[in-house]
Every structure is written in structure tokens, then in C-alpha cells.
């Protein structure tokens, strides 16, 4: 048997419990917003700011884990130098962080 049906069958019928149900649902949504949606939006804004401020010489990591130094920045793409003679053009959305900050700590 489903646990929900067992609880519904064994729970006594309540009158006037609608208000407490709505308060409980609103409380659940507030908690979800505080712990899940708000931090994710903050992180997304920081990532967008990072991508907008990219410049030549910045050390970056791609989503695929490729480390490189920016050689050229255009509107949607970035040319990164991976090795002495190896350069890759990647989409700005493929860059996740500046690894030079994490190495300094």
C-alpha cells in the first residue's frame, strides 16, 4: 500500500485545516527560494560578470577542463592559448572560472 493512502485513512478528519496547509506550502516555497533558487541566481550573476570582464592575459578553465590563457576576446567567442603553438577558439559560455585566483590562495 502507498504510505500516503495509509496516512490519509488513519488520520482523523480535520475541519478548518485549510489555512494551516496554505501556510505550510508557503513556508516550503520560501525555504526552497532561500536555499536553492537565490544562491543559484547569485552564482549565475557572478559567472555572467566574469564572462563579461574577460580580457587578454586572463587564465581560464573551460567546461571540459582545458586550462589556458586568453589571447583574443570577441563578442561570443574567446581564443585561448593552451600550449606553445596550440590555440583554441571556444564559446564564452564554455569558460567557467579564472584559475589564477584559486592558485594564489
PDB file of N, CA and C in Angstrom:
ATOM      1  N   UNK A   1       0.823  -1.183   0.000  1.00  0.00           N
ATOM      2  CA  UNK A   1       0.000   0.000   0.000  1.00  0.00           C
ATOM      3  C   UNK A   1       0.868   1.248   0.000  1.00  0.00           C
ATOM      4  N   UNK A   2       0.363   2.262  -0.570  1.00  0.00           N
ATOM      5  CA  UNK A   2       1.068   3.526  -0.620  1.00  0.00           C
ATOM      6  C   UNK A   2       1.033   4.185   0.759  1.00  0.00           C
ATOM      7  N   UNK A   3       2.115   4.801   1.181  1.00  0.00           N
ATOM      8  CA  UNK A   3       2.202   5.433   2.500  1.00  0.00           C
ATOM      9  C   UNK A   3       1.191   6.565   2.625  1.00  0.00           C
ATOM     10  N   UNK A   4       0.983   7.303   1.535  1.00  0.00           N
ATOM     11  CA  UNK A   4       0.042   8.422   1.561  1.00  0.00           C
ATOM     12  C   UNK A   4      -1.377   7.937   1.828  1.00  0.00           C
ATOM     13  N   UNK A   5      -1.768   6.840   1.204  1.00  0.00           N
ATOM     14  CA  UNK A   5      -3.123   6.336   1.437  1.00  0.00           C
ATOM     15  C   UNK A   5      -3.275   5.819   2.859  1.00  0.00           C
ATOM     16  N   UNK A   6      -2.237   5.240   3.405  1.00  0.00           N
ATOM     17  CA  UNK A   6      -2.298   4.766   4.793  1.00  0.00           C
ATOM     18  C   UNK A   6      -2.466   5.948   5.737  1.00  0.00           C
ATOM     19  N   UNK A   7      -1.700   7.013   5.496  1.00  0.00           N
ATOM     20  CA  UNK A   7      -1.808   8.182   6.364  1.00  0.00           C
ATOM     21  C   UNK A   7      -3.169   8.852   6.244  1.00  0.00           C
ATOM     22  N   UNK A   8      -3.692   8.911   5.032  1.00  0.00           N
ATOM     23  CA  UNK A   8      -4.991   9.539   4.847  1.00  0.00           C
ATOM     24  C   UNK A   8      -6.108   8.724   5.487  1.00  0.00           C
ATOM     25  N   UNK A   9      -6.008   7.425   5.464  1.00  0.00           N
ATOM     26  CA  UNK A   9      -7.043   6.572   6.047  1.00  0.00           C
ATOM     27  C   UNK A   9      -6.981   6.576   7.569  1.00  0.00           C
ATOM     28  N   UNK A  10      -5.785   6.685   8.137  1.00  0.00           N
ATOM     29  CA  UNK A  10      -5.656   6.624   9.587  1.00  0.00           C
ATOM     30  C   UNK A  10      -5.791   7.992  10.246  1.00  0.00           C
ATOM     31  N   UNK A  11      -5.575   9.086   9.511  1.00  0.00           N
ATOM     32  CA  UNK A  11      -5.661  10.416  10.092  1.00  0.00           C
ATOM     33  C   UNK A  11      -7.129  10.783  10.309  1.00  0.00           C
ATOM     34  N   UNK A  12      -7.453  11.345  11.452  1.00  0.00           N
ATOM     35  CA  UNK A  12      -8.826  11.768  11.691  1.00  0.00           C
ATOM     36  C   UNK A  12      -9.174  12.962  10.816  1.00  0.00           C
ATOM     37  N   UNK A  13     -10.410  13.068  10.450  1.00  0.00           N
ATOM     38  CA  UNK A  13     -10.860  14.172   9.606  1.00  0.00           C
ATOM     39  C   UNK A  13     -10.759  15.467  10.389  1.00  0.00           C
ATOM     40  N   UNK A  14     -10.132  16.473   9.771  1.00  0.00           N
ATOM     41  CA  UNK A  14      -9.963  17.751  10.437  1.00  0.00           C
ATOM     42  C   UNK A  14     -10.824  18.790   9.750  1.00  0.00           C
ATOM     43  N   UNK A  15     -11.354  19.680  10.522  1.00  0.00           N
ATOM     44  CA  UNK A  15     -12.121  20.778   9.946  1.00  0.00           C
ATOM     45  C   UNK A  15     -11.337  22.059  10.155  1.00  0.00           C
ATOM     46  N   UNK A  16     -11.331  22.904   9.146  1.00  0.00           N
ATOM     47  CA  UNK A  16     -10.620  24.176   9.259  1.00  0.00           C
ATOM     48  C   UNK A  16      -9.123  24.052   9.124  1.00  0.00           C
ATOM     49  N   UNK A  17      -8.613  22.991   8.555  1.00  0.00           N
ATOM     50  CA  UNK A  17      -7.177  22.801   8.410  1.00  0.00           C
ATOM     51  C   UNK A  17      -6.627  23.384   7.133  1.00  0.00           C
ATOM     52  N   UNK A  18      -7.465  24.023   6.333  1.00  0.00           N
ATOM     53  CA  UNK A  18      -7.020  24.585   5.060  1.00  0.00           C
ATOM     54  C   UNK A  18      -6.023  25.707   5.220  1.00  0.00           C
ATOM     55  N   UNK A  19      -6.207  26.541   6.217  1.00  0.00           N
ATOM     56  CA  UNK A  19      -5.305  27.675   6.426  1.00  0.00           C
ATOM     57  C   UNK A  19      -3.907  27.192   6.812  1.00  0.00           C
ATOM     58  N   UNK A  20      -3.842  26.200   7.662  1.00  0.00           N
ATOM     59  CA  UNK A  20      -2.520  25.701   8.057  1.00  0.00           C
ATOM     60  C   UNK A  20      -1.821  25.011   6.889  1.00  0.00           C
ATOM     61  N   UNK A  21      -2.592  24.390   6.007  1.00  0.00           N
ATOM     62  CA  UNK A  21      -2.000  23.765   4.827  1.00  0.00           C
ATOM     63  C   UNK A  21      -1.369  24.831   3.928  1.00  0.00           C
ATOM     64  N   UNK A  22      -2.062  25.957   3.717  1.00  0.00           N
ATOM     65  CA  UNK A  22      -1.532  27.018   2.863  1.00  0.00           C
ATOM     66  C   UNK A  22      -0.289  27.640   3.493  1.00  0.00           C
ATOM     67  N   UNK A  23      -0.315  27.823   4.789  1.00  0.00           N
ATOM     68  CA  UNK A  23       0.866  28.371   5.480  1.00  0.00           C
ATOM     69  C   UNK A  23       2.051  27.427   5.327  1.00  0.00           C
ATOM     70  N   UNK A  24       1.811  26.145   5.453  1.00  0.00           N
ATOM     71  CA  UNK A  24       2.867  25.153   5.301  1.00  0.00           C
ATOM     72  C   UNK A  24       3.417  25.159   3.874  1.00  0.00           C
ATOM     73  N   UNK A  25       2.554  25.241   2.867  1.00  0.00           N
ATOM     74  CA  UNK A  25       3.014  25.281   1.469  1.00  0.00           C
ATOM     75  C   UNK A  25       3.826  26.548   1.190  1.00  0.00           C
ATOM     76  N   UNK A  26       3.354  27.672   1.714  1.00  0.00           N
ATOM     77  CA  UNK A  26       4.095  28.924   1.521  1.00  0.00           C
ATOM     78  C   UNK A  26       5.451  28.839   2.206  1.00  0.00           C
ATOM     79  N   UNK A  27       5.494  28.254   3.389  1.00  0.00           N
ATOM     80  CA  UNK A  27       6.753  28.085   4.100  1.00  0.00           C
ATOM     81  C   UNK A  27       7.728  27.207   3.312  1.00  0.00           C
ATOM     82  N   UNK A  28       7.229  26.164   2.690  1.00  0.00           N
ATOM     83  CA  UNK A  28       8.080  25.293   1.866  1.00  0.00           C
ATOM     84  C   UNK A  28       8.670  26.068   0.696  1.00  0.00           C
ATOM     85  N   UNK A  29       7.848  26.877   0.024  1.00  0.00           N
ATOM     86  CA  UNK A  29       8.349  27.653  -1.109  1.00  0.00           C
ATOM     87  C   UNK A  29       9.369  28.700  -0.667  1.00  0.00           C
ATOM     88  N   UNK A  30       9.167  29.318   0.487  1.00  0.00           N
ATOM     89  CA  UNK A  30      10.123  30.300   0.991  1.00  0.00           C
ATOM     90  C   UNK A  30      11.459  29.633   1.298  1.00  0.00           C
ATOM     91  N   UNK A  31      11.429  28.486   1.917  1.00  0.00           N
ATOM     92  CA  UNK A  31      12.656  27.764   2.239  1.00  0.00           C
ATOM     93  C   UNK A  31      13.371  27.338   0.953  1.00  0.00           C
ATOM     94  N   UNK A  32      12.625  26.854  -0.033  1.00  0.00           N
ATOM     95  CA  UNK A  32      13.241  26.472  -1.315  1.00  0.00           C
ATOM     96  C   UNK A  32      13.897  27.685  -1.968  1.00  0.00           C
ATOM     97  N   UNK A  33      13.230  28.838  -1.922  1.00  0.00           N
ATOM     98  CA  UNK A  33      13.781  30.028  -2.532  1.00  0.00           C
ATOM     99  C   UNK A  33      15.061  30.451  -1.824  1.00  0.00           C
ATOM    100  N   UNK A  34      15.053  30.405  -0.480  1.00  0.00           N
ATOM    101  CA  UNK A  34      16.221  30.845   0.277  1.00  0.00           C
ATOM    102  C   UNK A  34      17.434  29.936   0.081  1.00  0.00           C
ATOM    103  N   UNK A  35      17.210  28.638   0.018  1.00  0.00           N
ATOM    104  CA  UNK A  35      18.335  27.702  -0.013  1.00  0.00           C
ATOM    105  C   UNK A  35      18.694  27.178  -1.392  1.00  0.00           C
ATOM    106  N   UNK A  36      17.814  27.340  -2.381  1.00  0.00           N
ATOM    107  CA  UNK A  36      18.113  26.772  -3.696  1.00  0.00           C
ATOM    108  C   UNK A  36      18.136  27.834  -4.797  1.00  0.00           C
ATOM    109  N   UNK A  37      17.084  28.590  -4.933  1.00  0.00           N
ATOM    110  CA  UNK A  37      16.959  29.498  -6.071  1.00  0.00           C
ATOM    111  C   UNK A  37      17.839  30.729  -5.911  1.00  0.00           C
ATOM    112  N   UNK A  38      17.836  31.345  -4.748  1.00  0.00           N
ATOM    113  CA  UNK A  38      18.608  32.563  -4.511  1.00  0.00           C
ATOM    114  C   UNK A  38      20.110  32.348  -4.676  1.00  0.00           C
ATOM    115  N   UNK A  39      20.715  31.313  -4.070  1.00  0.00           N
ATOM    116  CA  UNK A  39      22.160  31.114  -4.280  1.00  0.00           C
ATOM    117  C   UNK A  39      22.512  30.792  -5.733  1.00  0.00           C
ATOM    118  N   UNK A  40      21.629  30.074  -6.422  1.00  0.00           N
ATOM    119  CA  UNK A  40      21.897  29.739  -7.812  1.00  0.00           C
ATOM    120  C   UNK A  40      21.880  30.998  -8.679  1.00  0.00           C
ATOM    121  N   UNK A  41      20.951  31.902  -8.436  1.00  0.00           N
ATOM    122  CA  UNK A  41      20.900  33.166  -9.183  1.00  0.00           C
ATOM    123  C   UNK A  41      22.140  34.006  -8.911  1.00  0.00           C
ATOM    124  N   UNK A  42      22.583  34.027  -7.659  1.00  0.00           N
ATOM    125  CA  UNK A  42      23.783  34.784  -7.305  1.00  0.00           C
ATOM    126  C   UNK A  42      25.003  34.231  -8.030  1.00  0.00           C
ATOM    127  N   UNK A  43      25.126  32.915  -8.052  1.00  0.00           N
ATOM    128  CA  UNK A  43      26.248  32.276  -8.733  1.00  0.00           C
ATOM    129  C   UNK A  43      26.184  32.545 -10.236  1.00  0.00           C
ATOM    130  N   UNK A  44      24.983  32.533 -10.813  1.00  0.00           N
ATOM    131  CA  UNK A  44      24.825  32.790 -12.245  1.00  0.00           C
ATOM    132  C   UNK A  44      25.228  34.227 -12.581  1.00  0.00           C
ATOM    133  N   UNK A  45      24.866  35.184 -11.735  1.00  0.00           N
ATOM    134  CA  UNK A  45      25.249  36.580 -11.968  1.00  0.00           C
ATOM    135  C   UNK A  45      26.762  36.752 -11.889  1.00  0.00           C
ATOM    136  N   UNK A  46      27.407  36.083 -10.941  1.00  0.00           N
ATOM    137  CA  UNK A  46      28.872  36.162 -10.832  1.00  0.00           C
ATOM    138  C   UNK A  46      29.541  35.581 -12.068  1.00  0.00           C
ATOM    139  N   UNK A  47      29.007  34.483 -12.594  1.00  0.00           N
ATOM    140  CA  UNK A  47      29.566  33.862 -13.793  1.00  0.00           C
ATOM    141  C   UNK A  47      29.378  34.763 -15.007  1.00  0.00           C
ATOM    142  N   UNK A  48      28.216  35.402 -15.130  1.00  0.00           N
ATOM    143  CA  UNK A  48      27.981  36.328 -16.240  1.00  0.00           C
ATOM    144  C   UNK A  48      28.918  37.534 -16.147  1.00  0.00           C
ATOM    145  N   UNK A  49      29.148  38.031 -14.930  1.00  0.00           N
ATOM    146  CA  UNK A  49      30.053  39.151 -14.735  1.00  0.00           C
ATOM    147  C   UNK A  49      31.477  38.746 -15.119  1.00  0.00           C
ATOM    148  N   UNK A  50      31.894  37.541 -14.711  1.00  0.00           N
ATOM    149  CA  UNK A  50      33.223  37.030 -15.058  1.00  0.00           C
ATOM    150  C   UNK A  50      33.398  36.966 -16.574  1.00  0.00           C
ATOM    151  N   UNK A  51      32.391  36.436 -17.268  1.00  0.00           N
ATOM    152  CA  UNK A  51      32.487  36.304 -18.729  1.00  0.00           C
ATOM    153  C   UNK A  51      32.471  37.655 -19.429  1.00  0.00           C
ATOM    154  N   UNK A  52      31.760  38.631 -18.871  1.00  0.00           N
ATOM    155  CA  UNK A  52      31.703  39.957 -19.488  1.00  0.00           C
ATOM    156  C   UNK A  52      33.019  40.714 -19.312  1.00  0.00           C
ATOM    157  N   UNK A  53      33.769  40.411 -18.257  1.00  0.00           N
ATOM    158  CA  UNK A  53      35.001  41.140 -17.961  1.00  0.00           C
ATOM    159  C   UNK A  53      36.262  40.429 -18.436  1.00  0.00           C
ATOM    160  N   UNK A  54      36.135  39.431 -19.303  1.00  0.00           N
ATOM    161  CA  UNK A  54      37.308  38.716 -19.801  1.00  0.00           C
ATOM    162  C   UNK A  54      38.192  39.640 -20.621  1.00  0.00           C
ATOM    163  N   UNK A  55      39.499  39.491 -20.445  1.00  0.00           N
ATOM    164  CA  UNK A  55      40.445  40.296 -21.210  1.00  0.00           C
ATOM    165  C   UNK A  55      41.679  39.457 -21.531  1.00  0.00           C
ATOM    166  N   UNK A  56      42.492  39.974 -22.425  1.00  0.00           N
ATOM    167  CA  UNK A  56      43.696  39.261 -22.840  1.00  0.00           C
ATOM    168  C   UNK A  56      44.621  39.066 -21.648  1.00  0.00           C
ATOM    169  N   UNK A  57      45.143  37.847 -21.512  1.00  0.00           N
ATOM    170  CA  UNK A  57      46.057  37.530 -20.431  1.00  0.00           C
ATOM    171  C   UNK A  57      45.412  36.836 -19.252  1.00  0.00           C
ATOM    172  N   UNK A  58      44.075  36.808 -19.188  1.00  0.00           N
ATOM    173  CA  UNK A  58      43.389  36.112 -18.095  1.00  0.00           C
ATOM    174  C   UNK A  58      43.573  34.613 -18.228  1.00  0.00           C
ATOM    175  N   UNK A  59      43.771  33.954 -17.114  1.00  0.00           N
ATOM    176  CA  UNK A  59      43.892  32.495 -17.094  1.00  0.00           C
ATOM    177  C   UNK A  59      42.503  31.925 -16.827  1.00  0.00           C
ATOM    178  N   UNK A  60      42.085  30.975 -17.670  1.00  0.00           N
ATOM    179  CA  UNK A  60      40.727  30.444 -17.581  1.00  0.00           C
ATOM    180  C   UNK A  60      40.725  28.923 -17.677  1.00  0.00           C
ATOM    181  N   UNK A  61      39.573  28.353 -17.323  1.00  0.00           N
ATOM    182  CA  UNK A  61      39.335  26.922 -17.453  1.00  0.00           C
ATOM    183  C   UNK A  61      38.043  26.756 -18.223  1.00  0.00           C
ATOM    184  N   UNK A  62      38.033  25.837 -19.188  1.00  0.00           N
ATOM    185  CA  UNK A  62      36.806  25.570 -19.925  1.00  0.00           C
ATOM    186  C   UNK A  62      35.967  24.535 -19.177  1.00  0.00           C
ATOM    187  N   UNK A  63      34.743  24.368 -19.639  1.00  0.00           N
ATOM    188  CA  UNK A  63      33.848  23.376 -19.048  1.00  0.00           C
ATOM    189  C   UNK A  63      34.448  21.985 -19.166  1.00  0.00           C
ATOM    190  N   UNK A  64      35.177  21.745 -20.226  1.00  0.00           N
ATOM    191  CA  UNK A  64      35.804  20.444 -20.449  1.00  0.00           C
ATOM    192  C   UNK A  64      37.087  20.231 -19.658  1.00  0.00           C
ATOM    193  N   UNK A  65      37.530  21.241 -18.912  1.00  0.00           N
ATOM    194  CA  UNK A  65      38.712  21.089 -18.077  1.00  0.00           C
ATOM    195  C   UNK A  65      40.007  21.500 -18.750  1.00  0.00           C
ATOM    196  N   UNK A  66      39.925  22.255 -19.830  1.00  0.00           N
ATOM    197  CA  UNK A  66      41.128  22.712 -20.531  1.00  0.00           C
ATOM    198  C   UNK A  66      41.569  24.049 -19.939  1.00  0.00           C
ATOM    199  N   UNK A  67      42.818  24.123 -19.500  1.00  0.00           N
ATOM    200  CA  UNK A  67      43.377  25.334 -18.927  1.00  0.00           C
ATOM    201  C   UNK A  67      44.063  26.123 -20.025  1.00  0.00           C
ATOM    202  N   UNK A  68      43.915  27.443 -19.993  1.00  0.00           N
ATOM    203  CA  UNK A  68      44.565  28.257 -20.996  1.00  0.00           C
ATOM    204  C   UNK A  68      44.608  29.713 -20.601  1.00  0.00           C
ATOM    205  N   UNK A  69      45.273  30.497 -21.462  1.00  0.00           N
ATOM    206  CA  UNK A  69      45.398  31.937 -21.271  1.00  0.00           C
ATOM    207  C   UNK A  69      44.713  32.611 -22.454  1.00  0.00           C
ATOM    208  N   UNK A  70      43.923  33.630 -22.188  1.00  0.00           N
ATOM    209  CA  UNK A  70      43.168  34.304 -23.248  1.00  0.00           C
ATOM    210  C   UNK A  70      44.110  35.108 -24.132  1.00  0.00           C
ATOM    211  N   UNK A  71      43.977  34.897 -25.439  1.00  0.00           N
ATOM    212  CA  UNK A  71      44.765  35.630 -26.433  1.00  0.00           C
ATOM    213  C   UNK A  71      43.921  36.708 -27.120  1.00  0.00           C
ATOM    214  N   UNK A  72      42.640  36.431 -27.318  1.00  0.00           N
ATOM    215  CA  UNK A  72      41.767  37.350 -28.054  1.00  0.00           C
ATOM    216  C   UNK A  72      40.337  37.172 -27.561  1.00  0.00           C
ATOM    217  N   UNK A  73      39.605  38.279 -27.424  1.00  0.00           N
ATOM    218  CA  UNK A  73      38.217  38.235 -26.971  1.00  0.00           C
ATOM    219  C   UNK A  73      37.344  38.894 -28.027  1.00  0.00           C
ATOM    220  N   UNK A  74      36.292  38.192 -28.445  1.00  0.00           N
ATOM    221  CA  UNK A  74      35.284  38.790 -29.333  1.00  0.00           C
ATOM    222  C   UNK A  74      33.931  38.725 -28.631  1.00  0.00           C
ATOM    223  N   UNK A  75      32.868  39.056 -29.344  1.00  0.00           N
ATOM    224  CA  UNK A  75      31.548  39.126 -28.711  1.00  0.00           C
ATOM    225  C   UNK A  75      31.112  37.803 -28.098  1.00  0.00           C
ATOM    226  N   UNK A  76      31.195  36.727 -28.869  1.00  0.00           N
ATOM    227  CA  UNK A  76      30.681  35.441 -28.396  1.00  0.00           C
ATOM    228  C   UNK A  76      31.762  34.402 -28.150  1.00  0.00           C
ATOM    229  N   UNK A  77      32.947  34.613 -28.692  1.00  0.00           N
ATOM    230  CA  UNK A  77      33.995  33.598 -28.580  1.00  0.00           C
ATOM    231  C   UNK A  77      35.263  34.186 -27.966  1.00  0.00           C
ATOM    232  N   UNK A  78      36.137  33.278 -27.562  1.00  0.00           N
ATOM    233  CA  UNK A  78      37.424  33.646 -26.973  1.00  0.00           C
ATOM    234  C   UNK A  78      38.483  32.720 -27.568  1.00  0.00           C
ATOM    235  N   UNK A  79      39.619  33.283 -27.917  1.00  0.00           N
ATOM    236  CA  UNK A  79      40.745  32.478 -28.390  1.00  0.00           C
ATOM    237  C   UNK A  79      41.674  32.283 -27.203  1.00  0.00           C
ATOM    238  N   UNK A  80      41.879  31.013 -26.818  1.00  0.00           N
ATOM    239  CA  UNK A  80      42.751  30.740 -25.673  1.00  0.00           C
ATOM    240  C   UNK A  80      43.997  29.987 -26.147  1.00  0.00           C
ATOM    241  N   UNK A  81      45.104  30.315 -25.521  1.00  0.00           N
ATOM    242  CA  UNK A  81      46.372  29.647 -25.812  1.00  0.00           C
ATOM    243  C   UNK A  81      46.535  28.535 -24.783  1.00  0.00           C
ATOM    244  N   UNK A  82      46.603  27.302 -25.285  1.00  0.00           N
ATOM    245  CA  UNK A  82      46.674  26.144 -24.410  1.00  0.00           C
ATOM    246  C   UNK A  82      48.119  25.714 -24.190  1.00  0.00           C
ATOM    247  N   UNK A  83      48.911  25.758 -25.244  1.00  0.00           N
ATOM    248  CA  UNK A  83      50.307  25.351 -25.183  1.00  0.00           C
ATOM    249  C   UNK A  83      51.099  26.318 -26.065  1.00  0.00           C
ATOM    250  N   UNK A  84      52.366  26.048 -26.286  1.00  0.00           N
ATOM    251  CA  UNK A  84      53.230  26.960 -27.044  1.00  0.00           C
ATOM    252  C   UNK A  84      52.652  27.295 -28.417  1.00  0.00           C
ATOM    253  N   UNK A  85      52.229  26.299 -29.176  1.00  0.00           N
ATOM    254  CA  UNK A  85      51.712  26.542 -30.519  1.00  0.00           C
ATOM    255  C   UNK A  85      50.263  26.099 -30.676  1.00  0.00           C
ATOM    256  N   UNK A  86      49.555  25.928 -29.595  1.00  0.00           N
ATOM    257  CA  UNK A  86      48.178  25.434 -29.661  1.00  0.00           C
ATOM    258  C   UNK A  86      47.225  26.510 -29.152  1.00  0.00           C
ATOM    259  N   UNK A  87      46.303  26.918 -30.034  1.00  0.00           N
ATOM    260  CA  UNK A  87      45.282  27.895 -29.658  1.00  0.00           C
ATOM    261  C   UNK A  87      43.913  27.318 -30.001  1.00  0.00           C
ATOM    262  N   UNK A  88      42.967  27.569 -29.126  1.00  0.00           N
ATOM    263  CA  UNK A  88      41.606  27.075 -29.332  1.00  0.00           C
ATOM    264  C   UNK A  88      40.628  28.230 -29.274  1.00  0.00           C
ATOM    265  N   UNK A  89      39.639  28.209 -30.166  1.00  0.00           N
ATOM    266  CA  UNK A  89      38.572  29.188 -30.102  1.00  0.00           C
ATOM    267  C   UNK A  89      37.381  28.507 -29.443  1.00  0.00           C
ATOM    268  N   UNK A  90      36.942  29.063 -28.326  1.00  0.00           N
ATOM    269  CA  UNK A  90      35.824  28.493 -27.580  1.00  0.00           C
ATOM    270  C   UNK A  90      34.758  29.556 -27.349  1.00  0.00           C
ATOM    271  N   UNK A  91      33.543  29.092 -27.133  1.00  0.00           N
ATOM    272  CA  UNK A  91      32.438  29.978 -26.807  1.00  0.00           C
ATOM    273  C   UNK A  91      32.638  30.523 -25.397  1.00  0.00           C
ATOM    274  N   UNK A  92      32.227  31.757 -25.150  1.00  0.00           N
ATOM    275  CA  UNK A  92      32.381  32.334 -23.811  1.00  0.00           C
ATOM    276  C   UNK A  92      31.610  31.532 -22.767  1.00  0.00           C
ATOM    277  N   UNK A  93      30.502  30.920 -23.178  1.00  0.00           N
ATOM    278  CA  UNK A  93      29.716  30.112 -22.246  1.00  0.00           C
ATOM    279  C   UNK A  93      30.449  28.848 -21.827  1.00  0.00           C
ATOM    280  N   UNK A  94      31.516  28.502 -22.517  1.00  0.00           N
ATOM    281  CA  UNK A  94      32.306  27.329 -22.176  1.00  0.00           C
ATOM    282  C   UNK A  94      33.379  27.604 -21.131  1.00  0.00           C
ATOM    283  N   UNK A  95      33.518  28.858 -20.709  1.00  0.00           N
ATOM    284  CA  UNK A  95      34.511  29.212 -19.700  1.00  0.00           C
ATOM    285  C   UNK A  95      33.830  29.279 -18.338  1.00  0.00           C
ATOM    286  N   UNK A  96      34.472  28.659 -17.347  1.00  0.00           N
ATOM    287  CA  UNK A  96      33.822  28.587 -16.048  1.00  0.00           C
ATOM    288  C   UNK A  96      34.496  29.405 -14.955  1.00  0.00           C
ATOM    289  N   UNK A  97      35.805  29.536 -14.946  1.00  0.00           N
ATOM    290  CA  UNK A  97      36.426  30.292 -13.857  1.00  0.00           C
ATOM    291  C   UNK A  97      37.836  30.719 -14.213  1.00  0.00           C
ATOM    292  N   UNK A  98      38.336  31.616 -13.412  1.00  0.00           N
ATOM    293  CA  UNK A  98      39.715  32.080 -13.529  1.00  0.00           C
ATOM    294  C   UNK A  98      40.524  31.290 -12.507  1.00  0.00           C
ATOM    295  N   UNK A  99      41.385  30.391 -12.967  1.00  0.00           N
ATOM    296  CA  UNK A  99      42.095  29.516 -12.045  1.00  0.00           C
ATOM    297  C   UNK A  99      43.269  30.206 -11.366  1.00  0.00           C
ATOM    298  N   UNK A 100      43.654  31.380 -11.822  1.00  0.00           N
ATOM    299  CA  UNK A 100      44.769  32.081 -11.167  1.00  0.00           C
ATOM    300  C   UNK A 100      44.388  32.515  -9.762  1.00  0.00           C
ATOM    301  N   UNK A 101      43.103  32.808  -9.518  1.00  0.00           N
ATOM    302  CA  UNK A 101      42.653  33.183  -8.174  1.00  0.00           C
ATOM    303  C   UNK A 101      42.764  32.010  -7.213  1.00  0.00           C
ATOM    304  N   UNK A 102      42.411  30.818  -7.657  1.00  0.00           N
ATOM    305  CA  UNK A 102      42.446  29.657  -6.773  1.00  0.00           C
ATOM    306  C   UNK A 102      43.885  29.209  -6.485  1.00  0.00           C
ATOM    307  N   UNK A 103      44.807  29.490  -7.375  1.00  0.00           N
ATOM    308  CA  UNK A 103      46.199  29.097  -7.142  1.00  0.00           C
ATOM    309  C   UNK A 103      46.874  30.031  -6.139  1.00  0.00           C
ATOM    310  N   UNK A 104      46.402  31.267  -6.023  1.00  0.00           N
ATOM    311  CA  UNK A 104      47.011  32.222  -5.105  1.00  0.00           C
ATOM    312  C   UNK A 104      46.636  31.958  -3.653  1.00  0.00           C
ATOM    313  N   UNK A 105      45.597  31.206  -3.403  1.00  0.00           N
ATOM    314  CA  UNK A 105      45.133  31.002  -2.042  1.00  0.00           C
ATOM    315  C   UNK A 105      45.790  29.819  -1.403  1.00  0.00           C
TER     316      UNK A 105
END
